[in-house]
Amino acid sequence: MFRRTIKQLKRIDDAYIIAREAGFSRREAVKIASHRSSRDAFIKLTHVPGEIGGVIVDVGANRGQLIEIAMQRFRPQKIVGIEPLPGAFAELQKKWGENPAVRLFQCAAGATNKPVELQVSHHDQASSVLPIRTDDDLLFDQRDVSLSHVIRVEQRRLDDILREAGIGQIDLLVLDVQGYELEVLRGAEDSLQNTETIMLEVSFYPQYETQSLFWNVHNYLHEKGFVLRWLGDYQTTSDGVILQADAVYVNRDR
């Protein structure tokens, strides 16, 4: 518990310092550092190379935590947000639906276009198309990630979504899809050819049935011409076992 508290305090301090160095006012930096969701999104974006002034695609946008920070930090021309949870999408729509730079889609992303069952977790950011594991060896003990209920949602290929949105070139593709990364990437093969940078959550230990782990995602992206630029921000159990991390990949051909 003590080690976890120290880690949380360090992240608050790091977020504040980085925000000030990026040109945010003291008031803005305090606001960013004081809220966990905005703090985490801000720290993630510091590892993206260059200035993302074009198009950002956020798959698993939840309530727009990353969209808000990206709009402040990068001033992109266009953001596409994709979110299947009705409640989270309603908040997205309320906040960003009238913004001409933001296009929102209420659906899951995957390798095929079809209805799917979304397993909604009590901690809704852990919801997934994949069934949540209930095995005795499940190590995720910091939040209640157990199943709350199941809803039926539409799943669409990212290539089709971006074609509808009129998006060709992608500066930054963000995936936060809870073990479903490979399926989303398989539905985005055309888009990947025109993507500069990918930022995604990777897992070293399964939280969901049949989920893709780090080495599966890494090998797939390597085959598609991406190289790993950064791996960090590890999420661990209370006794230090690494469960997840964030990764940034860049397209070596662009």
C-alpha atoms as a PDB file:
ATOM      1  CA  MET A   1       0.000   0.000   0.000  1.00  0.00           C
ATOM      2  CA  PHE A   2       2.826   2.424   0.897  1.00  0.00           C
ATOM      3  CA  ARG A   3       4.655   1.733  -2.365  1.00  0.00           C
ATOM      4  CA  ARG A   4       1.440   2.259  -4.356  1.00  0.00           C
ATOM      5  CA  THR A   5       0.830   5.598  -2.615  1.00  0.00           C
ATOM      6  CA  ILE A   6       4.378   6.784  -3.425  1.00  0.00           C
ATOM      7  CA  LYS A   7       3.877   5.799  -7.065  1.00  0.00           C
ATOM      8  CA  GLN A   8       0.612   7.742  -7.278  1.00  0.00           C
ATOM      9  CA  LEU A   9       2.205  10.852  -5.754  1.00  0.00           C
ATOM     10  CA  LYS A  10       5.097  10.651  -8.213  1.00  0.00           C
ATOM     11  CA  ARG A  11       2.693  10.475 -11.158  1.00  0.00           C
ATOM     12  CA  ILE A  12       0.905  13.602  -9.912  1.00  0.00           C
ATOM     13  CA  ASP A  13       4.226  15.445  -9.622  1.00  0.00           C
ATOM     14  CA  ASP A  14       5.444  14.207 -13.032  1.00  0.00           C
ATOM     15  CA  ALA A  15       2.208  15.241 -14.746  1.00  0.00           C
ATOM     16  CA  TYR A  16       2.404  18.741 -13.241  1.00  0.00           C
ATOM     17  CA  ILE A  17       6.038  19.245 -14.294  1.00  0.00           C
ATOM     18  CA  ILE A  18       5.455  17.970 -17.820  1.00  0.00           C
ATOM     19  CA  ALA A  19       2.355  20.131 -18.228  1.00  0.00           C
ATOM     20  CA  ARG A  20       4.232  23.252 -17.142  1.00  0.00           C
ATOM     21  CA  GLU A  21       7.109  22.444 -19.501  1.00  0.00           C
ATOM     22  CA  ALA A  22       4.562  22.028 -22.308  1.00  0.00           C
ATOM     23  CA  GLY A  23       3.338  25.577 -21.739  1.00  0.00           C
ATOM     24  CA  PHE A  24       0.248  25.025 -19.597  1.00  0.00           C
ATOM     25  CA  SER A  25      -0.511  27.564 -16.872  1.00  0.00           C
ATOM     26  CA  ARG A  26      -0.171  26.602 -13.199  1.00  0.00           C
ATOM     27  CA  ARG A  27      -3.956  26.356 -12.920  1.00  0.00           C
ATOM     28  CA  GLU A  28      -4.188  24.124 -16.011  1.00  0.00           C
ATOM     29  CA  ALA A  29      -1.282  21.948 -14.839  1.00  0.00           C
ATOM     30  CA  VAL A  30      -2.870  21.465 -11.408  1.00  0.00           C
ATOM     31  CA  LYS A  31      -6.176  20.505 -13.046  1.00  0.00           C
ATOM     32  CA  ILE A  32      -4.438  17.928 -15.245  1.00  0.00           C
ATOM     33  CA  ALA A  33      -2.386  16.456 -12.389  1.00  0.00           C
ATOM     34  CA  SER A  34      -5.268  16.327  -9.923  1.00  0.00           C
ATOM     35  CA  HIS A  35      -7.566  14.001 -11.872  1.00  0.00           C
ATOM     36  CA  ARG A  36      -6.450  10.455 -12.475  1.00  0.00           C
ATOM     37  CA  SER A  37      -7.992  10.013 -15.928  1.00  0.00           C
ATOM     38  CA  SER A  38      -6.618  13.276 -17.332  1.00  0.00           C
ATOM     39  CA  ARG A  39      -3.262  12.727 -15.619  1.00  0.00           C
ATOM     40  CA  ASP A  40      -2.870   9.257 -17.109  1.00  0.00           C
ATOM     41  CA  ALA A  41      -3.880  10.449 -20.579  1.00  0.00           C
ATOM     42  CA  PHE A  42      -1.466  13.378 -20.388  1.00  0.00           C
ATOM     43  CA  ILE A  43       1.495  11.226 -19.313  1.00  0.00           C
ATOM     44  CA  LYS A  44       0.771   8.748 -22.120  1.00  0.00           C
ATOM     45  CA  LEU A  45       0.796  11.465 -24.759  1.00  0.00           C
ATOM     46  CA  THR A  46       4.214  12.742 -23.665  1.00  0.00           C
ATOM     47  CA  HIS A  47       5.731   9.624 -25.241  1.00  0.00           C
ATOM     48  CA  VAL A  48       4.287  10.311 -28.693  1.00  0.00           C
ATOM     49  CA  PRO A  49       7.028  11.698 -30.976  1.00  0.00           C
ATOM     50  CA  GLY A  50       6.643  15.013 -32.754  1.00  0.00           C
ATOM     51  CA  GLU A  51       3.703  17.349 -32.972  1.00  0.00           C
ATOM     52  CA  ILE A  52       0.408  15.628 -33.790  1.00  0.00           C
ATOM     53  CA  GLY A  53      -1.292  18.366 -35.764  1.00  0.00           C
ATOM     54  CA  GLY A  54      -3.278  16.244 -38.199  1.00  0.00           C
ATOM     55  CA  VAL A  55      -5.585  13.338 -37.318  1.00  0.00           C
ATOM     56  CA  ILE A  56      -5.950  11.411 -34.059  1.00  0.00           C
ATOM     57  CA  VAL A  57      -8.096   8.264 -33.903  1.00  0.00           C
ATOM     58  CA  ASP A  58      -9.092   7.138 -30.399  1.00  0.00           C
ATOM     59  CA  VAL A  59     -10.544   3.606 -30.270  1.00  0.00           C
ATOM     60  CA  GLY A  60     -12.086   2.968 -26.862  1.00  0.00           C
ATOM     61  CA  ALA A  61     -12.459   6.673 -26.163  1.00  0.00           C
ATOM     62  CA  ASN A  62     -14.575   6.104 -23.019  1.00  0.00           C
ATOM     63  CA  ARG A  63     -15.613   9.562 -21.749  1.00  0.00           C
ATOM     64  CA  GLY A  64     -13.074  11.477 -23.818  1.00  0.00           C
ATOM     65  CA  GLN A  65     -10.251  11.720 -21.291  1.00  0.00           C
ATOM     66  CA  LEU A  66      -7.576  11.431 -23.971  1.00  0.00           C
ATOM     67  CA  ILE A  67      -9.529  13.545 -26.481  1.00  0.00           C
ATOM     68  CA  GLU A  68      -9.613  16.460 -24.051  1.00  0.00           C
ATOM     69  CA  ILE A  69      -5.870  16.340 -23.373  1.00  0.00           C
ATOM     70  CA  ALA A  70      -5.041  15.826 -27.072  1.00  0.00           C
ATOM     71  CA  MET A  71      -7.126  18.855 -28.030  1.00  0.00           C
ATOM     72  CA  GLN A  72      -5.243  20.964 -25.499  1.00  0.00           C
ATOM     73  CA  ARG A  73      -1.770  19.599 -26.218  1.00  0.00           C
ATOM     74  CA  PHE A  74      -1.705  19.024 -29.978  1.00  0.00           C
ATOM     75  CA  ARG A  75      -4.561  21.102 -31.458  1.00  0.00           C
ATOM     76  CA  PRO A  76      -5.226  18.417 -34.102  1.00  0.00           C
ATOM     77  CA  GLN A  77      -7.222  19.150 -37.232  1.00  0.00           C
ATOM     78  CA  LYS A  78      -9.447  16.122 -36.654  1.00  0.00           C
ATOM     79  CA  ILE A  79     -10.190  13.572 -33.918  1.00  0.00           C
ATOM     80  CA  VAL A  80     -12.231  10.414 -34.443  1.00  0.00           C
ATOM     81  CA  GLY A  81     -13.573   8.875 -31.226  1.00  0.00           C
ATOM     82  CA  ILE A  82     -14.989   5.345 -31.102  1.00  0.00           C
ATOM     83  CA  GLU A  83     -16.820   4.072 -28.001  1.00  0.00           C
ATOM     84  CA  PRO A  84     -19.410   1.274 -27.593  1.00  0.00           C
ATOM     85  CA  LEU A  85     -20.639   1.893 -24.021  1.00  0.00           C
ATOM     86  CA  PRO A  86     -23.934   3.852 -24.175  1.00  0.00           C
ATOM     87  CA  GLY A  87     -23.359   5.870 -21.001  1.00  0.00           C
ATOM     88  CA  ALA A  88     -19.786   6.804 -21.870  1.00  0.00           C
ATOM     89  CA  PHE A  89     -20.759   7.641 -25.445  1.00  0.00           C
ATOM     90  CA  ALA A  90     -23.562   9.912 -24.210  1.00  0.00           C
ATOM     91  CA  GLU A  91     -20.986  11.891 -22.238  1.00  0.00           C
ATOM     92  CA  LEU A  92     -18.714  12.019 -25.288  1.00  0.00           C
ATOM     93  CA  GLN A  93     -21.580  13.257 -27.417  1.00  0.00           C
ATOM     94  CA  LYS A  94     -22.588  15.894 -24.877  1.00  0.00           C
ATOM     95  CA  LYS A  95     -19.070  17.291 -24.616  1.00  0.00           C
ATOM     96  CA  TRP A  96     -17.730  16.936 -28.148  1.00  0.00           C
ATOM     97  CA  GLY A  97     -20.701  16.266 -30.419  1.00  0.00           C
ATOM     98  CA  GLU A  98     -20.958  19.898 -31.576  1.00  0.00           C
ATOM     99  CA  ASN A  99     -17.221  20.323 -32.131  1.00  0.00           C
ATOM    100  CA  PRO A 100     -16.521  20.338 -35.895  1.00  0.00           C
ATOM    101  CA  ALA A 101     -13.054  18.863 -35.319  1.00  0.00           C
ATOM    102  CA  VAL A 102     -14.439  15.756 -33.572  1.00  0.00           C
ATOM    103  CA  ARG A 103     -16.300  12.865 -35.225  1.00  0.00           C
ATOM    104  CA  LEU A 104     -17.836  10.253 -32.918  1.00  0.00           C
ATOM    105  CA  PHE A 105     -18.952   6.678 -33.598  1.00  0.00           C
ATOM    106  CA  GLN A 106     -20.942   4.568 -31.132  1.00  0.00           C
ATOM    107  CA  CYS A 107     -19.711   1.050 -31.832  1.00  0.00           C
ATOM    108  CA  ALA A 108     -16.973  -1.434 -31.037  1.00  0.00           C
ATOM    109  CA  ALA A 109     -14.070  -1.903 -33.456  1.00  0.00           C
ATOM    110  CA  GLY A 110     -12.972  -5.326 -34.655  1.00  0.00           C
ATOM    111  CA  ALA A 111     -11.965  -7.498 -37.593  1.00  0.00           C
ATOM    112  CA  THR A 112     -15.512  -7.840 -38.977  1.00  0.00           C
ATOM    113  CA  ASN A 113     -18.762  -5.903 -39.200  1.00  0.00           C
ATOM    114  CA  LYS A 114     -21.312  -7.667 -36.991  1.00  0.00           C
ATOM    115  CA  PRO A 115     -23.233  -7.386 -33.704  1.00  0.00           C
ATOM    116  CA  VAL A 116     -21.207  -8.514 -30.672  1.00  0.00           C
ATOM    117  CA  GLU A 117     -21.807  -8.906 -26.959  1.00  0.00           C
ATOM    118  CA  LEU A 118     -19.946  -6.387 -24.815  1.00  0.00           C
ATOM    119  CA  GLN A 119     -18.991  -7.630 -21.357  1.00  0.00           C
ATOM    120  CA  VAL A 120     -19.536  -4.603 -19.134  1.00  0.00           C
ATOM    121  CA  SER A 121     -17.278  -4.532 -16.082  1.00  0.00           C
ATOM    122  CA  HIS A 122     -18.156  -2.914 -12.751  1.00  0.00           C
ATOM    123  CA  HIS A 123     -15.139  -0.714 -13.541  1.00  0.00           C
ATOM    124  CA  ASP A 124     -16.526   0.209 -16.944  1.00  0.00           C
ATOM    125  CA  GLN A 125     -13.174   1.164 -18.452  1.00  0.00           C
ATOM    126  CA  ALA A 126     -12.307  -2.552 -18.213  1.00  0.00           C
ATOM    127  CA  SER A 127     -15.300  -3.580 -20.369  1.00  0.00           C
ATOM    128  CA  SER A 128     -14.450  -5.744 -23.366  1.00  0.00           C
ATOM    129  CA  VAL A 129     -15.853  -7.747 -26.252  1.00  0.00           C
ATOM    130  CA  LEU A 130     -13.944 -10.639 -24.697  1.00  0.00           C
ATOM    131  CA  PRO A 131     -15.296 -12.520 -21.654  1.00  0.00           C
ATOM    132  CA  ILE A 132     -13.735 -11.398 -18.382  1.00  0.00           C
ATOM    133  CA  ARG A 133     -11.747 -14.197 -16.756  1.00  0.00           C
ATOM    134  CA  THR A 134     -12.951 -15.577 -13.426  1.00  0.00           C
ATOM    135  CA  ASP A 135     -10.102 -18.053 -12.789  1.00  0.00           C
ATOM    136  CA  ASP A 136      -8.632 -18.407  -9.319  1.00  0.00           C
ATOM    137  CA  ASP A 137      -5.268 -17.116 -10.576  1.00  0.00           C
ATOM    138  CA  LEU A 138      -6.670 -13.769 -11.748  1.00  0.00           C
ATOM    139  CA  LEU A 139      -4.200 -11.152 -10.539  1.00  0.00           C
ATOM    140  CA  PHE A 140      -6.129  -7.930 -11.155  1.00  0.00           C
ATOM    141  CA  ASP A 141      -6.853  -6.945  -7.571  1.00  0.00           C
ATOM    142  CA  GLN A 142      -6.775  -3.138  -7.552  1.00  0.00           C
ATOM    143  CA  ARG A 143     -10.256  -2.495  -8.987  1.00  0.00           C
ATOM    144  CA  ASP A 144     -13.504  -4.406  -9.312  1.00  0.00           C
ATOM    145  CA  VAL A 145     -13.151  -5.654 -12.892  1.00  0.00           C
ATOM    146  CA  SER A 146     -15.773  -8.376 -12.486  1.00  0.00           C
ATOM    147  CA  LEU A 147     -18.703  -8.672 -14.899  1.00  0.00           C
ATOM    148  CA  SER A 148     -21.653  -6.357 -14.260  1.00  0.00           C
ATOM    149  CA  HIS A 149     -23.854  -7.168 -17.268  1.00  0.00           C
ATOM    150  CA  VAL A 150     -23.777  -7.890 -21.004  1.00  0.00           C
ATOM    151  CA  ILE A 151     -25.103  -5.660 -23.778  1.00  0.00           C
ATOM    152  CA  ARG A 152     -25.302  -6.107 -27.535  1.00  0.00           C
ATOM    153  CA  VAL A 153     -23.468  -3.528 -29.660  1.00  0.00           C
ATOM    154  CA  GLU A 154     -22.469  -3.091 -33.281  1.00  0.00           C
ATOM    155  CA  GLN A 155     -18.896  -3.915 -34.224  1.00  0.00           C
ATOM    156  CA  ARG A 156     -17.293  -2.283 -37.267  1.00  0.00           C
ATOM    157  CA  ARG A 157     -13.963  -2.528 -39.040  1.00  0.00           C
ATOM    158  CA  LEU A 158     -11.797   0.505 -38.420  1.00  0.00           C
ATOM    159  CA  ASP A 159     -11.069   0.732 -42.160  1.00  0.00           C
ATOM    160  CA  ASP A 160     -14.801   1.171 -42.810  1.00  0.00           C
ATOM    161  CA  ILE A 161     -15.276   3.699 -40.010  1.00  0.00           C
ATOM    162  CA  LEU A 162     -12.403   5.866 -41.214  1.00  0.00           C
ATOM    163  CA  ARG A 163     -13.540   5.631 -44.820  1.00  0.00           C
ATOM    164  CA  GLU A 164     -16.937   6.952 -43.724  1.00  0.00           C
ATOM    165  CA  ALA A 165     -15.238   9.735 -41.763  1.00  0.00           C
ATOM    166  CA  GLY A 166     -13.157  10.691 -44.800  1.00  0.00           C
ATOM    167  CA  ILE A 167      -9.888   9.926 -43.046  1.00  0.00           C
ATOM    168  CA  GLY A 168      -6.877   8.867 -45.111  1.00  0.00           C
ATOM    169  CA  GLN A 169      -3.758   9.846 -43.199  1.00  0.00           C
ATOM    170  CA  ILE A 170      -3.552   9.109 -39.425  1.00  0.00           C
ATOM    171  CA  ASP A 171      -0.975  10.860 -37.271  1.00  0.00           C
ATOM    172  CA  LEU A 172      -1.821   8.951 -34.087  1.00  0.00           C
ATOM    173  CA  LEU A 173      -3.926   5.823 -33.588  1.00  0.00           C
ATOM    174  CA  VAL A 174      -4.799   5.108 -29.949  1.00  0.00           C
ATOM    175  CA  LEU A 175      -6.165   1.714 -28.859  1.00  0.00           C
ATOM    176  CA  ASP A 176      -7.605   1.032 -25.408  1.00  0.00           C
ATOM    177  CA  VAL A 177      -9.718  -2.037 -26.136  1.00  0.00           C
ATOM    178  CA  GLN A 178      -9.040  -4.426 -23.260  1.00  0.00           C
ATOM    179  CA  GLY A 179      -7.341  -7.411 -24.872  1.00  0.00           C
ATOM    180  CA  TYR A 180      -9.021  -6.964 -28.276  1.00  0.00           C
ATOM    181  CA  GLU A 181      -6.075  -5.200 -29.901  1.00  0.00           C
ATOM    182  CA  LEU A 182      -5.318  -7.789 -32.579  1.00  0.00           C
ATOM    183  CA  GLU A 183      -8.923  -7.943 -33.754  1.00  0.00           C
ATOM    184  CA  VAL A 184      -9.051  -4.150 -34.073  1.00  0.00           C
ATOM    185  CA  LEU A 185      -5.748  -4.093 -35.971  1.00  0.00           C
ATOM    186  CA  ARG A 186      -6.918  -6.841 -38.323  1.00  0.00           C
ATOM    187  CA  GLY A 187      -9.851  -4.645 -39.249  1.00  0.00           C
ATOM    188  CA  ALA A 188      -7.508  -1.734 -39.972  1.00  0.00           C
ATOM    189  CA  GLU A 189      -4.979  -3.171 -42.419  1.00  0.00           C
ATOM    190  CA  ASP A 190      -5.536  -0.439 -45.004  1.00  0.00           C
ATOM    191  CA  SER A 191      -5.450   2.295 -42.375  1.00  0.00           C
ATOM    192  CA  LEU A 192      -2.202   1.005 -40.849  1.00  0.00           C
ATOM    193  CA  GLN A 193      -0.380   1.700 -44.117  1.00  0.00           C
ATOM    194  CA  ASN A 194      -1.181   5.394 -43.640  1.00  0.00           C
ATOM    195  CA  THR A 195      -0.581   5.595 -39.868  1.00  0.00           C
ATOM    196  CA  GLU A 196       2.441   7.365 -38.393  1.00  0.00           C
ATOM    197  CA  THR A 197       2.232   6.358 -34.717  1.00  0.00           C
ATOM    198  CA  ILE A 198       0.264   3.847 -32.643  1.00  0.00           C
ATOM    199  CA  MET A 199      -0.202   4.084 -28.887  1.00  0.00           C
ATOM    200  CA  LEU A 200      -1.899   1.170 -27.148  1.00  0.00           C
ATOM    201  CA  GLU A 201      -2.248  -0.707 -23.899  1.00  0.00           C
ATOM    202  CA  VAL A 202      -0.524  -4.100 -23.907  1.00  0.00           C
ATOM    203  CA  SER A 203      -0.931  -6.981 -21.473  1.00  0.00           C
ATOM    204  CA  PHE A 204       1.551  -9.469 -20.057  1.00  0.00           C
ATOM    205  CA  TYR A 205      -1.047 -11.430 -18.141  1.00  0.00           C
ATOM    206  CA  PRO A 206      -4.579 -12.266 -19.363  1.00  0.00           C
ATOM    207  CA  GLN A 207      -7.535 -10.469 -17.841  1.00  0.00           C
ATOM    208  CA  TYR A 208      -9.890 -11.733 -20.572  1.00  0.00           C
ATOM    209  CA  GLU A 209     -10.486 -15.056 -22.291  1.00  0.00           C
ATOM    210  CA  THR A 210      -8.423 -15.558 -25.488  1.00  0.00           C
ATOM    211  CA  GLN A 211      -7.013 -12.040 -25.337  1.00  0.00           C
ATOM    212  CA  SER A 212      -3.914 -10.975 -27.246  1.00  0.00           C
ATOM    213  CA  LEU A 213      -0.815 -10.426 -25.112  1.00  0.00           C
ATOM    214  CA  PHE A 214       2.149  -8.122 -25.685  1.00  0.00           C
ATOM    215  CA  TRP A 215       4.193 -10.500 -27.832  1.00  0.00           C
ATOM    216  CA  ASN A 216       1.204 -11.236 -30.101  1.00  0.00           C
ATOM    217  CA  VAL A 217       0.596  -7.538 -30.714  1.00  0.00           C
ATOM    218  CA  HIS A 218       4.305  -6.757 -31.051  1.00  0.00           C
ATOM    219  CA  ASN A 219       4.867  -9.457 -33.670  1.00  0.00           C
ATOM    220  CA  TYR A 220       1.834  -8.360 -35.675  1.00  0.00           C
ATOM    221  CA  LEU A 221       2.876  -4.715 -35.722  1.00  0.00           C
ATOM    222  CA  HIS A 222       6.465  -5.672 -36.564  1.00  0.00           C
ATOM    223  CA  GLU A 223       5.164  -7.548 -39.614  1.00  0.00           C
ATOM    224  CA  LYS A 224       3.190  -4.450 -40.611  1.00  0.00           C
ATOM    225  CA  GLY A 225       6.282  -2.258 -40.524  1.00  0.00           C
ATOM    226  CA  PHE A 226       6.090  -0.720 -37.048  1.00  0.00           C
ATOM    227  CA  VAL A 227       8.915  -0.521 -34.520  1.00  0.00           C
ATOM    228  CA  LEU A 228       8.604  -0.200 -30.753  1.00  0.00           C
ATOM    229  CA  ARG A 229       9.631   3.275 -29.618  1.00  0.00           C
ATOM    230  CA  TRP A 230       8.592   3.209 -25.950  1.00  0.00           C
ATOM    231  CA  LEU A 231       7.264   0.745 -23.390  1.00  0.00           C
ATOM    232  CA  GLY A 232       6.414   1.851 -19.862  1.00  0.00           C
ATOM    233  CA  ASP A 233       3.874   3.126 -17.367  1.00  0.00           C
ATOM    234  CA  TYR A 234       3.585  -0.392 -16.003  1.00  0.00           C
ATOM    235  CA  GLN A 235       0.502  -1.466 -14.072  1.00  0.00           C
ATOM    236  CA  THR A 236       1.304  -4.026 -11.420  1.00  0.00           C
ATOM    237  CA  THR A 237      -0.284  -6.057  -8.664  1.00  0.00           C
ATOM    238  CA  SER A 238       0.117  -4.856  -5.093  1.00  0.00           C
ATOM    239  CA  ASP A 239       3.218  -7.053  -4.805  1.00  0.00           C
ATOM    240  CA  GLY A 240       4.837  -5.866  -8.034  1.00  0.00           C
ATOM    241  CA  VAL A 241       3.860  -8.398 -10.740  1.00  0.00           C
ATOM    242  CA  ILE A 242       3.693  -6.592 -14.100  1.00  0.00           C
ATOM    243  CA  LEU A 243       0.248  -6.924 -15.673  1.00  0.00           C
ATOM    244  CA  GLN A 244      -0.025  -4.215 -18.302  1.00  0.00           C
ATOM    245  CA  ALA A 245       1.893  -1.354 -19.852  1.00  0.00           C
ATOM    246  CA  ASP A 246       1.514   1.315 -22.500  1.00  0.00           C
ATOM    247  CA  ALA A 247       3.451   1.058 -25.760  1.00  0.00           C
ATOM    248  CA  VAL A 248       4.208   3.453 -28.598  1.00  0.00           C
ATOM    249  CA  TYR A 249       5.023   2.153 -32.083  1.00  0.00           C
ATOM    250  CA  VAL A 250       6.143   4.209 -35.085  1.00  0.00           C
ATOM    251  CA  ASN A 251       5.859   3.323 -38.762  1.00  0.00           C
ATOM    252  CA  ARG A 252       9.398   2.785 -40.037  1.00  0.00           C
ATOM    253  CA  ASP A 253       8.352   3.467 -43.629  1.00  0.00           C
ATOM    254  CA  ARG A 254       6.889   6.922 -43.050  1.00  0.00           C
END
